[in-house]
Amino acid sequence: MRRLRTAVTTALLLLAPLSACGLKSGSPLVDDVVPGSVGRGQPLKGASLTVTSKNFSENIILGQMAGLVLKAAGAEVLDRTNLPGSVSAREAIVKGDADAMYEYTGTAWITYLGNSKPIVDPVKQWEAVRDADRAHGVAWLPQSSLNNTYALAISKKNNAKYGLKTLSDVAALAKKDPSAVTVCVENEFASRDDGLPGMQKAYGMSLPAANIKKMDAGIVYTQVSQSGSCLLGEVFTTDGRIKAMDLDVLTDDRHFFPNYNAAPELHAATYAKYPALASLLDPVTAKLTTQVAQELNAKVDVDGQDPHDVAKDWLVEQGFIKEG
C-alpha cells in the first residue's frame, strides 16, 4: 500500500528505531541548477536542508522537485527520499531529521492525527490538518489540486457498452444486473470500512462475494484493461497506468473516499528560520494537478525513467528552475 491505513501497521512502524529507516544515509544533490521563476536572489544561500519522501514513484518525484527548487535557491540539499513507508518520512519531519517533503492531507488527518472520518471539503481538510499539526512541530504550506485517492476504473472498451460515469451508476447497474459488476481489488481494500465494504454501504450496493476478486495492486490494472474477469478495478487517481491502459475513472459522486491532496510538509523550526520556503514551493504546488501527476508517474512506472530526471525535466519545462 502506498498509504498506511491500518493501526497495526502504523503501531509496528512507530516501534522501529528511526535509524532503521535509512535516515543515516543520503546523498547531496549535485545538480547544477539556478533560479528560474522561483528562487531569484537565492534566498537560501548558506542553508543546509534535507528533503525526504516515501518509497513510491509519485512521492519520490515530488521530493525530488522540492530538493531541486531548494538547491536552485542556494541551499545545500541532502537527498533522503525513498524512505520505506509513510511513518518513517513523517517522523523525520517531526524530529527535524528532514526539513521538507510532500505529504497527503488524508494521510495526515486519518493516519497521523487519528481521525476516523475524512472532511469532505478538501480545503477545510487541509486547514484542519494545518491547525492540528502545529502541536507536533509541523508546518503545512498550501495544498495542490493533485488528489491521490482511491477510485474504481473501467476500460474504455467495456465502458462503451455500459456508459458508466459515477459510482452511483455502478450501484444502479449492480441492482439491475448483479452478475455484470465484477470488481478486482487488493486484499486490504476488500475488507476495510474505508475501502470496498464502506463504499458499498455508502452507495447501497451489495456485490456477491464471487464477484469480488482479490489480487496484487499491479495486476488489477492489467486485469481491468486486458481481461474480461474484472469489469471494474481499484485504482489510485494519479496512477500513470490509467491513461496508458486506456481506463475511465468513475466519479465518487457521494464523496465517500477521503481527499489525499499533496502539500509541502515542513519541520516548523526550519520554516521559521527560512520563511522563503513558502515563496519557493507555493508556485510549484499550484501547478500540480491530478492529470500532471498521472503524466509524470507514467514516465516512471510505464516508461521506466528515473524519478529525479522526471522531476528536473518538469521543473525546467515549467520554467521554475534552469540548468546552470
Protein backbone atom coordinates (compact mmCIF):
# COMPACT_ATOMS: atom_id res chain seq x y z
CA MET A 1 0.00 0.00 0.00
CA ARG A 2 1.27 3.48 -0.83
CA ARG A 3 -0.51 4.98 2.15
CA LEU A 4 -0.56 3.33 5.54
CA ARG A 5 -4.11 2.63 6.61
CA THR A 6 -4.10 0.07 9.41
CA ALA A 7 -3.49 0.94 13.04
CA VAL A 8 -1.48 -2.26 13.47
CA THR A 9 0.92 -1.41 10.68
CA THR A 10 1.30 2.14 11.96
CA ALA A 11 1.99 0.97 15.51
CA LEU A 12 4.63 -1.52 14.36
CA LEU A 13 6.42 1.08 12.30
CA LEU A 14 6.39 3.54 15.15
CA LEU A 15 8.17 0.97 17.29
CA ALA A 16 11.04 0.72 14.79
CA PRO A 17 14.01 2.99 15.53
CA LEU A 18 14.40 5.88 13.14
CA SER A 19 17.92 4.79 12.28
CA ALA A 20 16.46 1.63 10.77
CA CYS A 21 14.58 3.72 8.22
CA GLY A 22 17.72 4.74 6.38
CA LEU A 23 17.86 8.30 7.68
CA LYS A 24 21.55 7.90 8.47
CA SER A 25 22.17 7.63 4.74
CA GLY A 26 21.55 10.09 1.97
CA SER A 27 23.41 11.89 -0.76
CA PRO A 28 23.82 15.56 -1.64
CA LEU A 29 22.04 16.90 -4.68
CA VAL A 30 24.83 17.86 -7.05
CA ASP A 31 22.73 19.20 -9.93
CA ASP A 32 23.95 22.45 -11.42
CA VAL A 33 20.64 24.32 -11.30
CA VAL A 34 19.88 28.02 -10.94
CA PRO A 35 16.72 30.03 -10.29
CA GLY A 36 14.09 30.38 -12.95
CA SER A 37 10.78 31.90 -11.97
CA VAL A 38 11.42 30.93 -8.33
CA GLY A 39 14.50 31.33 -6.16
CA ARG A 40 15.76 34.58 -7.63
CA GLY A 41 18.36 36.16 -5.40
CA GLN A 42 19.00 32.70 -3.91
CA PRO A 43 17.27 33.36 -0.55
CA LEU A 44 18.51 30.01 0.83
CA LYS A 45 22.20 30.64 0.20
CA GLY A 46 24.15 29.19 3.11
CA ALA A 47 21.32 26.90 4.26
CA SER A 48 21.78 23.14 4.63
CA LEU A 49 18.46 21.37 4.20
CA THR A 50 17.26 17.78 3.89
CA VAL A 51 14.35 16.59 1.76
CA THR A 52 12.62 13.26 2.19
CA SER A 53 9.80 11.20 0.68
CA LYS A 54 8.04 7.87 0.89
CA ASN A 55 9.04 4.99 -1.36
CA PHE A 56 6.61 5.16 -4.29
CA SER A 57 7.13 6.88 -7.61
CA GLU A 58 4.87 9.90 -7.19
CA ASN A 59 6.16 10.85 -3.76
CA ILE A 60 9.77 10.39 -4.83
CA ILE A 61 9.15 12.69 -7.81
CA LEU A 62 7.62 15.32 -5.52
CA GLY A 63 10.50 15.01 -3.06
CA GLN A 64 12.99 15.49 -5.87
CA MET A 65 11.09 18.57 -7.03
CA ALA A 66 11.33 20.10 -3.58
CA GLY A 67 15.04 19.34 -3.37
CA LEU A 68 15.85 20.80 -6.78
CA VAL A 69 13.91 24.01 -6.08
CA LEU A 70 15.75 24.47 -2.78
CA LYS A 71 19.07 23.73 -4.48
CA ALA A 72 18.41 26.34 -7.18
CA ALA A 73 17.57 28.83 -4.42
CA GLY A 74 21.06 28.44 -2.98
CA ALA A 75 20.73 25.70 -0.36
CA GLU A 76 22.96 22.70 0.09
CA VAL A 77 20.44 19.86 -0.14
CA LEU A 78 20.72 16.34 1.23
CA ASP A 79 18.52 13.84 -0.60
CA ARG A 80 16.89 11.34 1.76
CA THR A 81 13.94 10.46 -0.43
CA ASN A 82 12.60 6.94 -0.92
CA LEU A 83 12.15 6.02 2.76
CA PRO A 84 10.12 2.87 3.45
CA GLY A 85 6.52 3.60 4.38
CA SER A 86 4.72 6.72 5.49
CA VAL A 87 5.68 6.82 9.15
CA SER A 88 9.45 6.91 8.65
CA ALA A 89 9.25 10.03 6.47
CA ARG A 90 6.72 11.60 8.81
CA GLU A 91 8.90 11.03 11.87
CA ALA A 92 11.87 12.54 10.04
CA ILE A 93 9.92 15.79 9.58
CA VAL A 94 8.59 15.83 13.14
CA LYS A 95 12.01 15.24 14.69
CA GLY A 96 13.86 17.60 12.38
CA ASP A 97 15.94 14.86 10.72
CA ALA A 98 14.41 16.15 7.48
CA ASP A 99 13.15 19.60 6.64
CA ALA A 100 10.67 19.19 3.80
CA MET A 101 8.57 16.65 1.91
CA TYR A 102 5.27 16.41 0.09
CA GLU A 103 2.62 14.72 2.23
CA TYR A 104 -1.07 13.94 1.66
CA THR A 105 -3.77 15.65 3.68
CA GLY A 106 -5.87 12.50 4.04
CA THR A 107 -2.90 10.52 5.34
CA ALA A 108 -2.16 13.18 7.93
CA TRP A 109 -5.78 13.59 9.01
CA ILE A 110 -6.53 9.89 9.36
CA THR A 111 -3.23 8.04 9.93
CA TYR A 112 -1.14 10.57 11.87
CA LEU A 113 -3.79 12.65 13.63
CA GLY A 114 -6.07 9.73 14.41
CA ASN A 115 -9.36 10.87 12.91
CA SER A 116 -11.78 8.26 11.62
CA LYS A 117 -13.89 10.43 9.32
CA PRO A 118 -12.47 12.48 6.46
CA ILE A 119 -13.53 16.07 5.85
CA VAL A 120 -15.35 16.25 2.51
CA ASP A 121 -14.23 19.75 1.58
CA PRO A 122 -10.54 19.46 0.58
CA VAL A 123 -9.64 22.99 1.68
CA LYS A 124 -11.27 22.53 5.09
CA GLN A 125 -9.46 19.22 5.50
CA TRP A 126 -6.12 20.91 4.72
CA GLU A 127 -6.93 23.70 7.18
CA ALA A 128 -7.78 21.17 9.88
CA VAL A 129 -4.53 19.29 9.28
CA ARG A 130 -2.50 22.51 9.25
CA ASP A 131 -4.01 23.67 12.53
CA ALA A 132 -3.77 20.33 14.34
CA ASP A 133 -0.19 19.63 13.23
CA ARG A 134 1.20 22.82 14.75
CA ALA A 135 1.24 20.97 18.06
CA HIS A 136 3.63 18.41 16.52
CA GLY A 137 6.10 20.98 15.25
CA VAL A 138 4.95 20.55 11.67
CA ALA A 139 4.06 23.36 9.26
CA TRP A 140 1.93 22.88 6.15
CA LEU A 141 2.09 25.03 3.03
CA PRO A 142 -0.96 25.33 0.74
CA GLN A 143 -2.08 22.13 -0.95
CA SER A 144 -2.20 21.22 -4.61
CA SER A 145 -5.26 20.00 -6.51
CA LEU A 146 -3.35 16.73 -7.04
CA ASN A 147 -5.59 14.21 -5.30
CA ASN A 148 -4.13 10.72 -4.98
CA THR A 149 -7.20 8.94 -3.68
CA TYR A 150 -8.98 5.65 -4.28
CA ALA A 151 -11.30 5.17 -7.23
CA LEU A 152 -12.86 2.48 -9.37
CA ALA A 153 -11.97 2.36 -13.05
CA ILE A 154 -13.26 0.55 -16.14
CA SER A 155 -11.68 0.01 -19.54
CA LYS A 156 -12.95 2.35 -22.24
CA LYS A 157 -13.70 -0.72 -24.34
CA ASN A 158 -16.06 -2.16 -21.71
CA ASN A 159 -17.48 1.22 -20.87
CA ALA A 160 -18.63 1.68 -24.45
CA LYS A 161 -21.31 -0.87 -23.53
CA TYR A 162 -22.25 0.42 -20.09
CA GLY A 163 -21.60 4.18 -20.20
CA LEU A 164 -20.66 4.36 -16.51
CA LYS A 165 -19.60 7.77 -15.20
CA THR A 166 -20.13 7.63 -11.43
CA LEU A 167 -20.18 5.13 -8.60
CA SER A 168 -23.93 5.72 -8.41
CA ASP A 169 -24.09 4.38 -11.97
CA VAL A 170 -22.27 1.27 -10.75
CA ALA A 171 -24.78 0.84 -7.93
CA ALA A 172 -27.65 1.11 -10.39
CA LEU A 173 -26.06 -1.48 -12.69
CA ALA A 174 -25.42 -3.83 -9.75
CA LYS A 175 -29.08 -3.63 -8.82
CA LYS A 176 -30.27 -4.13 -12.38
CA ASP A 177 -27.77 -6.84 -13.38
CA PRO A 178 -25.77 -8.15 -10.36
CA SER A 179 -23.74 -10.59 -12.45
CA ALA A 180 -22.37 -7.76 -14.61
CA VAL A 181 -20.47 -5.99 -11.82
CA THR A 182 -17.23 -7.80 -11.09
CA VAL A 183 -14.51 -5.97 -9.17
CA CYS A 184 -10.76 -6.57 -8.83
CA VAL A 185 -9.23 -5.15 -5.64
CA GLU A 186 -6.33 -5.52 -3.22
CA ASN A 187 -6.90 -7.71 -0.17
CA GLU A 188 -6.91 -4.79 2.27
CA PHE A 189 -9.28 -2.69 0.17
CA ALA A 190 -11.67 -5.65 0.07
CA SER A 191 -12.02 -5.79 3.84
CA ARG A 192 -11.69 -2.29 5.27
CA ASP A 193 -14.54 0.03 6.16
CA ASP A 194 -12.81 2.84 4.26
CA GLY A 195 -12.49 0.51 1.27
CA LEU A 196 -14.94 -1.69 -0.64
CA PRO A 197 -17.31 -2.60 2.25
CA GLY A 198 -17.76 1.04 3.23
CA MET A 199 -18.14 2.10 -0.39
CA GLN A 200 -20.87 -0.49 -0.96
CA LYS A 201 -22.70 0.73 2.14
CA ALA A 202 -22.43 4.35 1.08
CA TYR A 203 -23.83 3.61 -2.36
CA GLY A 204 -26.37 0.97 -1.37
CA MET A 205 -24.59 -1.85 -3.20
CA SER A 206 -24.41 -5.50 -2.26
CA LEU A 207 -21.98 -7.36 -4.52
CA PRO A 208 -21.89 -11.17 -4.28
CA ALA A 209 -18.62 -12.48 -2.83
CA ALA A 210 -17.97 -14.35 -6.06
CA ASN A 211 -17.92 -11.02 -7.92
CA ILE A 212 -15.05 -9.66 -5.82
CA LYS A 213 -11.61 -10.84 -6.93
CA LYS A 214 -8.59 -10.13 -4.72
CA MET A 215 -5.10 -9.66 -6.15
CA ASP A 216 -1.91 -7.61 -6.09
CA ALA A 217 -2.40 -3.93 -6.88
CA GLY A 218 -0.28 -4.02 -10.04
CA ILE A 219 -2.29 -6.90 -11.50
CA VAL A 220 -5.57 -5.01 -11.04
CA TYR A 221 -4.76 -2.53 -13.81
CA THR A 222 -3.84 -5.31 -16.25
CA GLN A 223 -6.93 -7.36 -15.44
CA VAL A 224 -9.29 -4.43 -15.91
CA SER A 225 -7.59 -3.37 -19.11
CA GLN A 226 -6.97 -6.67 -20.85
CA SER A 227 -9.27 -9.36 -19.48
CA GLY A 228 -12.97 -9.96 -19.09
CA SER A 229 -12.70 -11.16 -15.49
CA CYS A 230 -12.98 -7.68 -13.94
CA LEU A 231 -15.39 -5.06 -15.15
CA LEU A 232 -14.08 -2.64 -12.52
CA GLY A 233 -10.85 -2.30 -10.60
CA GLU A 234 -9.47 -0.40 -7.61
CA VAL A 235 -7.05 2.32 -8.75
CA PHE A 236 -5.30 5.38 -7.43
CA THR A 237 -6.44 8.50 -9.25
CA THR A 238 -2.92 9.76 -10.07
CA ASP A 239 -1.56 6.44 -11.36
CA GLY A 240 0.11 6.76 -14.74
CA ARG A 241 -1.29 3.40 -15.86
CA ILE A 242 -4.81 4.85 -16.01
CA LYS A 243 -4.05 6.74 -19.22
CA ALA A 244 -1.53 4.21 -20.52
CA MET A 245 -4.06 1.37 -20.24
CA ASP A 246 -6.99 3.42 -21.54
CA LEU A 247 -9.16 3.35 -18.41
CA ASP A 248 -12.09 5.54 -17.38
CA VAL A 249 -12.08 6.62 -13.72
CA LEU A 250 -15.55 6.76 -12.19
CA THR A 251 -16.53 9.81 -10.16
CA ASP A 252 -17.09 9.30 -6.42
CA ASP A 253 -20.28 11.39 -6.56
CA ARG A 254 -21.16 10.79 -2.89
CA HIS A 255 -17.65 11.76 -1.76
CA PHE A 256 -17.02 8.54 0.13
CA PHE A 257 -13.26 8.32 -0.32
CA PRO A 258 -11.05 10.79 1.57
CA ASN A 259 -9.16 13.57 -0.20
CA TYR A 260 -5.45 12.94 -0.48
CA ASN A 261 -4.19 16.28 -1.73
CA ALA A 262 -0.41 16.67 -1.85
CA ALA A 263 1.08 19.61 0.05
CA PRO A 264 4.52 20.55 1.36
CA GLU A 265 5.02 19.43 4.96
CA LEU A 266 7.88 21.22 6.74
CA HIS A 267 9.71 20.94 10.04
CA ALA A 268 8.25 24.00 11.75
CA ALA A 269 11.57 25.28 13.12
CA THR A 270 13.04 25.14 9.63
CA TYR A 271 10.14 27.12 8.22
CA ALA A 272 10.50 29.73 10.97
CA LYS A 273 14.19 30.09 10.09
CA TYR A 274 13.63 30.13 6.33
CA PRO A 275 10.19 31.65 5.59
CA ALA A 276 11.23 31.96 1.92
CA LEU A 277 10.35 28.27 1.62
CA ALA A 278 6.74 29.31 1.02
CA SER A 279 7.52 31.59 -1.93
CA LEU A 280 9.71 28.86 -3.42
CA LEU A 281 7.35 25.91 -3.13
CA ASP A 282 3.90 27.53 -3.44
CA PRO A 283 4.15 28.21 -7.21
CA VAL A 284 5.28 24.63 -7.84
CA THR A 285 2.47 23.18 -5.74
CA ALA A 286 -0.09 25.31 -7.57
CA LYS A 287 0.87 23.61 -10.85
CA LEU A 288 0.48 20.08 -9.51
CA THR A 289 -2.80 18.58 -10.68
CA THR A 290 -4.08 15.02 -10.80
CA GLN A 291 -3.52 14.99 -14.56
CA VAL A 292 0.05 16.28 -14.22
CA ALA A 293 0.75 13.57 -11.64
CA GLN A 294 -0.64 10.88 -13.97
CA GLU A 295 1.66 12.05 -16.74
CA LEU A 296 4.76 12.25 -14.55
CA ASN A 297 4.04 8.93 -12.83
CA ALA A 298 3.65 7.25 -16.23
CA LYS A 299 7.14 8.39 -17.21
CA VAL A 300 8.47 6.38 -14.25
CA ASP A 301 6.05 3.45 -13.95
CA VAL A 302 5.33 2.90 -17.64
CA ASP A 303 8.37 4.31 -19.47
CA GLY A 304 10.98 3.40 -16.86
CA GLN A 305 12.53 6.85 -16.41
CA ASP A 306 14.32 7.92 -13.23
CA PRO A 307 12.14 9.96 -10.80
CA HIS A 308 14.91 12.54 -10.34
CA ASP A 309 15.15 13.14 -14.08
CA VAL A 310 11.36 13.34 -14.41
CA ALA A 311 11.17 15.94 -11.64
CA LYS A 312 14.02 18.00 -13.02
CA ASP A 313 12.75 17.94 -16.60
CA TRP A 314 9.30 19.11 -15.49
CA LEU A 315 10.66 21.93 -13.33
CA VAL A 316 12.84 23.17 -16.20
CA GLU A 317 9.97 22.81 -18.68
CA GLN A 318 7.71 24.87 -16.42
CA GLY A 319 10.41 27.49 -16.01
CA PHE A 320 10.76 27.14 -12.24
CA ILE A 321 14.47 26.39 -12.45
CA LYS A 322 17.14 26.44 -15.15
CA GLU A 323 20.16 24.34 -15.94
CA GLY A 324 23.31 26.01 -14.62
